[in-house]
Amino acid sequence: MDEITGTLENWSFVSGFYFGDVYGDTKGRFADGTPIRTSHIKSAPGKQGDIVTTRNSRYKLGAPATTTR
């Protein structure tokens, strides 16, 4: 799976999951700006610009949250 399935903005990482607002969901699951919690990530935690992988998706990390959700 090489395709990026969306971009997470305003994200935070907690206990193996990302919480953030998804944009550009290529699977048509979410409208732009929908807040989501990813499934458990398979890759190491990332920083802005990195690609992180879950069981079924790959997300590009946009800007992190400035406050905790």
PDB file of N, CA and C in Angstrom:
ATOM      1  N   MET A   1       0.857  -1.178   0.000  1.00  0.00           N
ATOM      2  CA  MET A   1       0.000   0.000   0.000  1.00  0.00           C
ATOM      3  C   MET A   1       0.900   1.236   0.000  1.00  0.00           C
ATOM      4  N   ASP A   2       0.967   1.941  -1.119  1.00  0.00           N
ATOM      5  CA  ASP A   2       1.805   3.124  -1.231  1.00  0.00           C
ATOM      6  C   ASP A   2       1.003   4.411  -1.316  1.00  0.00           C
ATOM      7  N   GLU A   3      -0.275   4.316  -1.643  1.00  0.00           N
ATOM      8  CA  GLU A   3      -1.120   5.483  -1.825  1.00  0.00           C
ATOM      9  C   GLU A   3      -1.393   6.181  -0.496  1.00  0.00           C
ATOM     10  N   ILE A   4      -1.251   7.494  -0.499  1.00  0.00           N
ATOM     11  CA  ILE A   4      -1.633   8.277   0.674  1.00  0.00           C
ATOM     12  C   ILE A   4      -3.146   8.422   0.630  1.00  0.00           C
ATOM     13  N   THR A   5      -3.818   8.054   1.715  1.00  0.00           N
ATOM     14  CA  THR A   5      -5.275   8.051   1.724  1.00  0.00           C
ATOM     15  C   THR A   5      -5.874   9.303   2.358  1.00  0.00           C
ATOM     16  N   GLY A   6      -5.043  10.212   2.855  1.00  0.00           N
ATOM     17  CA  GLY A   6      -5.542  11.463   3.416  1.00  0.00           C
ATOM     18  C   GLY A   6      -4.440  12.213   4.142  1.00  0.00           C
ATOM     19  N   THR A   7      -4.759  13.426   4.504  1.00  0.00           N
ATOM     20  CA  THR A   7      -3.841  14.275   5.271  1.00  0.00           C
ATOM     21  C   THR A   7      -4.495  14.601   6.602  1.00  0.00           C
ATOM     22  N   LEU A   8      -3.729  14.477   7.680  1.00  0.00           N
ATOM     23  CA  LEU A   8      -4.220  14.844   9.011  1.00  0.00           C
ATOM     24  C   LEU A   8      -3.682  16.218   9.385  1.00  0.00           C
ATOM     25  N   GLU A   9      -4.592  17.104   9.736  1.00  0.00           N
ATOM     26  CA  GLU A   9      -4.231  18.443  10.215  1.00  0.00           C
ATOM     27  C   GLU A   9      -4.682  18.553  11.668  1.00  0.00           C
ATOM     28  N   ASN A  10      -4.048  19.464  12.383  1.00  0.00           N
ATOM     29  CA  ASN A  10      -4.414  19.715  13.785  1.00  0.00           C
ATOM     30  C   ASN A  10      -4.388  18.413  14.592  1.00  0.00           C
ATOM     31  N   TRP A  11      -3.336  17.627  14.372  1.00  0.00           N
ATOM     32  CA  TRP A  11      -3.277  16.282  14.937  1.00  0.00           C
ATOM     33  C   TRP A  11      -2.487  16.246  16.246  1.00  0.00           C
ATOM     34  N   SER A  12      -2.779  15.196  16.995  1.00  0.00           N
ATOM     35  CA  SER A  12      -1.999  14.856  18.182  1.00  0.00           C
ATOM     36  C   SER A  12      -1.858  13.333  18.202  1.00  0.00           C
ATOM     37  N   PHE A  13      -0.831  12.854  18.881  1.00  0.00           N
ATOM     38  CA  PHE A  13      -0.547  11.420  18.969  1.00  0.00           C
ATOM     39  C   PHE A  13      -0.679  10.994  20.422  1.00  0.00           C
ATOM     40  N   VAL A  14      -1.549  10.006  20.666  1.00  0.00           N
ATOM     41  CA  VAL A  14      -1.781   9.527  22.031  1.00  0.00           C
ATOM     42  C   VAL A  14      -1.889   8.009  22.014  1.00  0.00           C
ATOM     43  N   SER A  15      -1.019   7.339  22.745  1.00  0.00           N
ATOM     44  CA  SER A  15      -1.090   5.886  22.969  1.00  0.00           C
ATOM     45  C   SER A  15      -1.252   5.069  21.691  1.00  0.00           C
ATOM     46  N   GLY A  16      -0.495   5.410  20.652  1.00  0.00           N
ATOM     47  CA  GLY A  16      -0.502   4.613  19.421  1.00  0.00           C
ATOM     48  C   GLY A  16      -1.530   5.030  18.389  1.00  0.00           C
ATOM     49  N   PHE A  17      -2.262   6.109  18.647  1.00  0.00           N
ATOM     50  CA  PHE A  17      -3.304   6.585  17.732  1.00  0.00           C
ATOM     51  C   PHE A  17      -3.087   8.058  17.421  1.00  0.00           C
ATOM     52  N   TYR A  18      -3.501   8.465  16.222  1.00  0.00           N
ATOM     53  CA  TYR A  18      -3.539   9.883  15.872  1.00  0.00           C
ATOM     54  C   TYR A  18      -4.972  10.373  15.957  1.00  0.00           C
ATOM     55  N   PHE A  19      -5.130  11.557  16.492  1.00  0.00           N
ATOM     56  CA  PHE A  19      -6.405  12.261  16.518  1.00  0.00           C
ATOM     57  C   PHE A  19      -6.187  13.516  15.697  1.00  0.00           C
ATOM     58  N   GLY A  20      -7.068  13.792  14.753  1.00  0.00           N
ATOM     59  CA  GLY A  20      -6.894  14.984  13.935  1.00  0.00           C
ATOM     60  C   GLY A  20      -8.041  15.165  12.970  1.00  0.00           C
ATOM     61  N   ASP A  21      -7.928  16.212  12.166  1.00  0.00           N
ATOM     62  CA  ASP A  21      -8.934  16.529  11.160  1.00  0.00           C
ATOM     63  C   ASP A  21      -8.411  16.030   9.820  1.00  0.00           C
ATOM     64  N   VAL A  22      -9.186  15.188   9.150  1.00  0.00           N
ATOM     65  CA  VAL A  22      -8.734  14.573   7.907  1.00  0.00           C
ATOM     66  C   VAL A  22      -9.190  15.404   6.708  1.00  0.00           C
ATOM     67  N   TYR A  23      -8.301  15.477   5.710  1.00  0.00           N
ATOM     68  CA  TYR A  23      -8.582  16.173   4.455  1.00  0.00           C
ATOM     69  C   TYR A  23      -8.136  15.282   3.298  1.00  0.00           C
ATOM     70  N   GLY A  24      -8.883  15.342   2.195  1.00  0.00           N
ATOM     71  CA  GLY A  24      -8.494  14.621   0.988  1.00  0.00           C
ATOM     72  C   GLY A  24      -8.589  13.119   1.115  1.00  0.00           C
ATOM     73  N   ASP A  25      -9.573  12.612   1.848  1.00  0.00           N
ATOM     74  CA  ASP A  25      -9.733  11.167   2.028  1.00  0.00           C
ATOM     75  C   ASP A  25     -10.043  10.507   0.683  1.00  0.00           C
ATOM     76  N   THR A  26      -9.096   9.760   0.158  1.00  0.00           N
ATOM     77  CA  THR A  26      -9.261   9.149  -1.165  1.00  0.00           C
ATOM     78  C   THR A  26     -10.213   7.971  -1.165  1.00  0.00           C
ATOM     79  N   LYS A  27     -10.558   7.462   0.012  1.00  0.00           N
ATOM     80  CA  LYS A  27     -11.494   6.337   0.100  1.00  0.00           C
ATOM     81  C   LYS A  27     -12.941   6.800   0.239  1.00  0.00           C
ATOM     82  N   GLY A  28     -13.160   8.109   0.291  1.00  0.00           N
ATOM     83  CA  GLY A  28     -14.513   8.656   0.358  1.00  0.00           C
ATOM     84  C   GLY A  28     -15.246   8.411   1.665  1.00  0.00           C
ATOM     85  N   ARG A  29     -14.503   8.172   2.737  1.00  0.00           N
ATOM     86  CA  ARG A  29     -15.133   7.889   4.032  1.00  0.00           C
ATOM     87  C   ARG A  29     -15.497   9.150   4.790  1.00  0.00           C
ATOM     88  N   PHE A  30     -14.699  10.208   4.617  1.00  0.00           N
ATOM     89  CA  PHE A  30     -14.843  11.399   5.444  1.00  0.00           C
ATOM     90  C   PHE A  30     -14.851  12.667   4.598  1.00  0.00           C
ATOM     91  N   ALA A  31     -15.701  13.607   4.967  1.00  0.00           N
ATOM     92  CA  ALA A  31     -15.671  14.940   4.358  1.00  0.00           C
ATOM     93  C   ALA A  31     -14.454  15.689   4.899  1.00  0.00           C
ATOM     94  N   ASP A  32     -13.928  16.633   4.122  1.00  0.00           N
ATOM     95  CA  ASP A  32     -12.794  17.428   4.578  1.00  0.00           C
ATOM     96  C   ASP A  32     -13.104  18.095   5.907  1.00  0.00           C
ATOM     97  N   GLY A  33     -12.145  18.009   6.834  1.00  0.00           N
ATOM     98  CA  GLY A  33     -12.270  18.641   8.136  1.00  0.00           C
ATOM     99  C   GLY A  33     -12.914  17.766   9.200  1.00  0.00           C
ATOM    100  N   THR A  34     -13.289  16.526   8.834  1.00  0.00           N
ATOM    101  CA  THR A  34     -13.910  15.623   9.808  1.00  0.00           C
ATOM    102  C   THR A  34     -12.879  15.206  10.856  1.00  0.00           C
ATOM    103  N   PRO A  35     -13.189  15.356  12.147  1.00  0.00           N
ATOM    104  CA  PRO A  35     -12.268  14.879  13.178  1.00  0.00           C
ATOM    105  C   PRO A  35     -12.316  13.350  13.256  1.00  0.00           C
ATOM    106  N   ILE A  36     -11.151  12.712  13.282  1.00  0.00           N
ATOM    107  CA  ILE A  36     -11.077  11.250  13.349  1.00  0.00           C
ATOM    108  C   ILE A  36     -10.051  10.820  14.385  1.00  0.00           C
ATOM    109  N   ARG A  37     -10.136   9.547  14.732  1.00  0.00           N
ATOM    110  CA  ARG A  37      -9.075   8.845  15.454  1.00  0.00           C
ATOM    111  C   ARG A  37      -8.681   7.719  14.525  1.00  0.00           C
ATOM    112  N   THR A  38      -7.404   7.624  14.201  1.00  0.00           N
ATOM    113  CA  THR A  38      -6.947   6.554  13.322  1.00  0.00           C
ATOM    114  C   THR A  38      -7.001   5.223  14.055  1.00  0.00           C
ATOM    115  N   SER A  39      -6.889   4.151  13.315  1.00  0.00           N
ATOM    116  CA  SER A  39      -6.621   2.874  13.962  1.00  0.00           C
ATOM    117  C   SER A  39      -5.164   2.907  14.429  1.00  0.00           C
ATOM    118  N   HIS A  40      -4.754   1.915  15.180  1.00  0.00           N
ATOM    119  CA  HIS A  40      -3.403   1.870  15.741  1.00  0.00           C
ATOM    120  C   HIS A  40      -2.379   1.976  14.615  1.00  0.00           C
ATOM    121  N   ILE A  41      -1.375   2.824  14.794  1.00  0.00           N
ATOM    122  CA  ILE A  41      -0.400   2.990  13.724  1.00  0.00           C
ATOM    123  C   ILE A  41       0.621   1.865  13.741  1.00  0.00           C
ATOM    124  N   LYS A  42       1.053   1.489  12.534  1.00  0.00           N
ATOM    125  CA  LYS A  42       2.049   0.433  12.371  1.00  0.00           C
ATOM    126  C   LYS A  42       3.445   1.021  12.259  1.00  0.00           C
ATOM    127  N   SER A  43       3.525   2.284  11.908  1.00  0.00           N
ATOM    128  CA  SER A  43       4.812   2.941  11.757  1.00  0.00           C
ATOM    129  C   SER A  43       5.153   3.697  13.041  1.00  0.00           C
ATOM    130  N   ALA A  44       6.359   4.197  13.097  1.00  0.00           N
ATOM    131  CA  ALA A  44       6.769   4.996  14.256  1.00  0.00           C
ATOM    132  C   ALA A  44       6.020   6.326  14.253  1.00  0.00           C
ATOM    133  N   PRO A  45       5.817   6.925  15.429  1.00  0.00           N
ATOM    134  CA  PRO A  45       5.194   8.255  15.465  1.00  0.00           C
ATOM    135  C   PRO A  45       5.992   9.231  14.600  1.00  0.00           C
ATOM    136  N   GLY A  46       5.291  10.157  13.981  1.00  0.00           N
ATOM    137  CA  GLY A  46       5.948  11.047  13.038  1.00  0.00           C
ATOM    138  C   GLY A  46       5.878  12.506  13.434  1.00  0.00           C
ATOM    139  N   LYS A  47       6.366  13.323  12.519  1.00  0.00           N
ATOM    140  CA  LYS A  47       6.332  14.771  12.667  1.00  0.00           C
ATOM    141  C   LYS A  47       5.730  15.355  11.390  1.00  0.00           C
ATOM    142  N   GLN A  48       5.469  16.633  11.383  1.00  0.00           N
ATOM    143  CA  GLN A  48       4.855  17.286  10.235  1.00  0.00           C
ATOM    144  C   GLN A  48       5.595  16.919   8.953  1.00  0.00           C
ATOM    145  N   GLY A  49       4.837  16.503   7.923  1.00  0.00           N
ATOM    146  CA  GLY A  49       5.408  16.123   6.634  1.00  0.00           C
ATOM    147  C   GLY A  49       5.650  14.633   6.482  1.00  0.00           C
ATOM    148  N   ASP A  50       5.655  13.880   7.581  1.00  0.00           N
ATOM    149  CA  ASP A  50       5.872  12.430   7.521  1.00  0.00           C
ATOM    150  C   ASP A  50       4.606  11.708   7.059  1.00  0.00           C
ATOM    151  N   ILE A  51       4.786  10.474   6.617  1.00  0.00           N
ATOM    152  CA  ILE A  51       3.686   9.580   6.270  1.00  0.00           C
ATOM    153  C   ILE A  51       3.626   8.510   7.357  1.00  0.00           C
ATOM    154  N   VAL A  52       2.430   8.303   7.925  1.00  0.00           N
ATOM    155  CA  VAL A  52       2.245   7.266   8.940  1.00  0.00           C
ATOM    156  C   VAL A  52       1.261   6.228   8.409  1.00  0.00           C
ATOM    157  N   THR A  53       1.460   4.979   8.817  1.00  0.00           N
ATOM    158  CA  THR A  53       0.687   3.873   8.283  1.00  0.00           C
ATOM    159  C   THR A  53      -0.131   3.192   9.369  1.00  0.00           C
ATOM    160  N   THR A  54      -1.416   2.952   9.054  1.00  0.00           N
ATOM    161  CA  THR A  54      -2.285   2.153   9.912  1.00  0.00           C
ATOM    162  C   THR A  54      -2.545   0.844   9.168  1.00  0.00           C
ATOM    163  N   ARG A  55      -3.443   0.044   9.673  1.00  0.00           N
ATOM    164  CA  ARG A  55      -3.736  -1.236   9.023  1.00  0.00           C
ATOM    165  C   ARG A  55      -4.206  -1.061   7.577  1.00  0.00           C
ATOM    166  N   ASN A  56      -5.076  -0.070   7.337  1.00  0.00           N
ATOM    167  CA  ASN A  56      -5.673   0.092   6.014  1.00  0.00           C
ATOM    168  C   ASN A  56      -5.438   1.443   5.359  1.00  0.00           C
ATOM    169  N   SER A  57      -4.694   2.328   6.015  1.00  0.00           N
ATOM    170  CA  SER A  57      -4.545   3.681   5.485  1.00  0.00           C
ATOM    171  C   SER A  57      -3.135   4.200   5.680  1.00  0.00           C
ATOM    172  N   ARG A  58      -2.815   5.225   4.874  1.00  0.00           N
ATOM    173  CA  ARG A  58      -1.561   5.976   5.022  1.00  0.00           C
ATOM    174  C   ARG A  58      -1.915   7.447   5.041  1.00  0.00           C
ATOM    175  N   TYR A  59      -1.464   8.140   6.074  1.00  0.00           N
ATOM    176  CA  TYR A  59      -1.786   9.540   6.232  1.00  0.00           C
ATOM    177  C   TYR A  59      -0.527  10.389   6.194  1.00  0.00           C
ATOM    178  N   LYS A  60      -0.621  11.502   5.484  1.00  0.00           N
ATOM    179  CA  LYS A  60       0.433  12.511   5.553  1.00  0.00           C
ATOM    180  C   LYS A  60       0.092  13.404   6.736  1.00  0.00           C
ATOM    181  N   LEU A  61       1.090  13.730   7.543  1.00  0.00           N
ATOM    182  CA  LEU A  61       0.870  14.592   8.703  1.00  0.00           C
ATOM    183  C   LEU A  61       1.079  16.045   8.318  1.00  0.00           C
ATOM    184  N   GLY A  62       0.008  16.823   8.464  1.00  0.00           N
ATOM    185  CA  GLY A  62       0.084  18.262   8.261  1.00  0.00           C
ATOM    186  C   GLY A  62       0.532  18.907   9.567  1.00  0.00           C
ATOM    187  N   ALA A  63      -0.004  20.070   9.855  1.00  0.00           N
ATOM    188  CA  ALA A  63       0.382  20.803  11.065  1.00  0.00           C
ATOM    189  C   ALA A  63      -0.172  20.121  12.314  1.00  0.00           C
ATOM    190  N   PRO A  64       0.653  19.953  13.338  1.00  0.00           N
ATOM    191  CA  PRO A  64       0.163  19.365  14.587  1.00  0.00           C
ATOM    192  C   PRO A  64      -0.734  20.342  15.341  1.00  0.00           C
ATOM    193  N   ALA A  65      -1.484  19.805  16.279  1.00  0.00           N
ATOM    194  CA  ALA A  65      -2.351  20.626  17.134  1.00  0.00           C
ATOM    195  C   ALA A  65      -1.478  21.511  18.017  1.00  0.00           C
ATOM    196  N   THR A  66      -1.985  22.675  18.320  1.00  0.00           N
ATOM    197  CA  THR A  66      -1.258  23.561  19.215  1.00  0.00           C
ATOM    198  C   THR A  66      -1.729  23.389  20.657  1.00  0.00           C
ATOM    199  N   THR A  67      -2.875  22.700  20.816  1.00  0.00           N
ATOM    200  CA  THR A  67      -3.385  22.374  22.140  1.00  0.00           C
ATOM    201  C   THR A  67      -3.814  20.913  22.143  1.00  0.00           C
ATOM    202  N   THR A  68      -3.865  20.305  23.300  1.00  0.00           N
ATOM    203  CA  THR A  68      -4.288  18.920  23.421  1.00  0.00           C
ATOM    204  C   THR A  68      -5.805  18.835  23.311  1.00  0.00           C
ATOM    205  N   ARG A  69      -6.290  17.824  22.601  1.00  0.00           N
ATOM    206  CA  ARG A  69      -7.735  17.635  22.450  1.00  0.00           C
ATOM    207  C   ARG A  69      -8.332  17.056  23.689  1.00  0.00           C
TER     208      ARG A  69
END
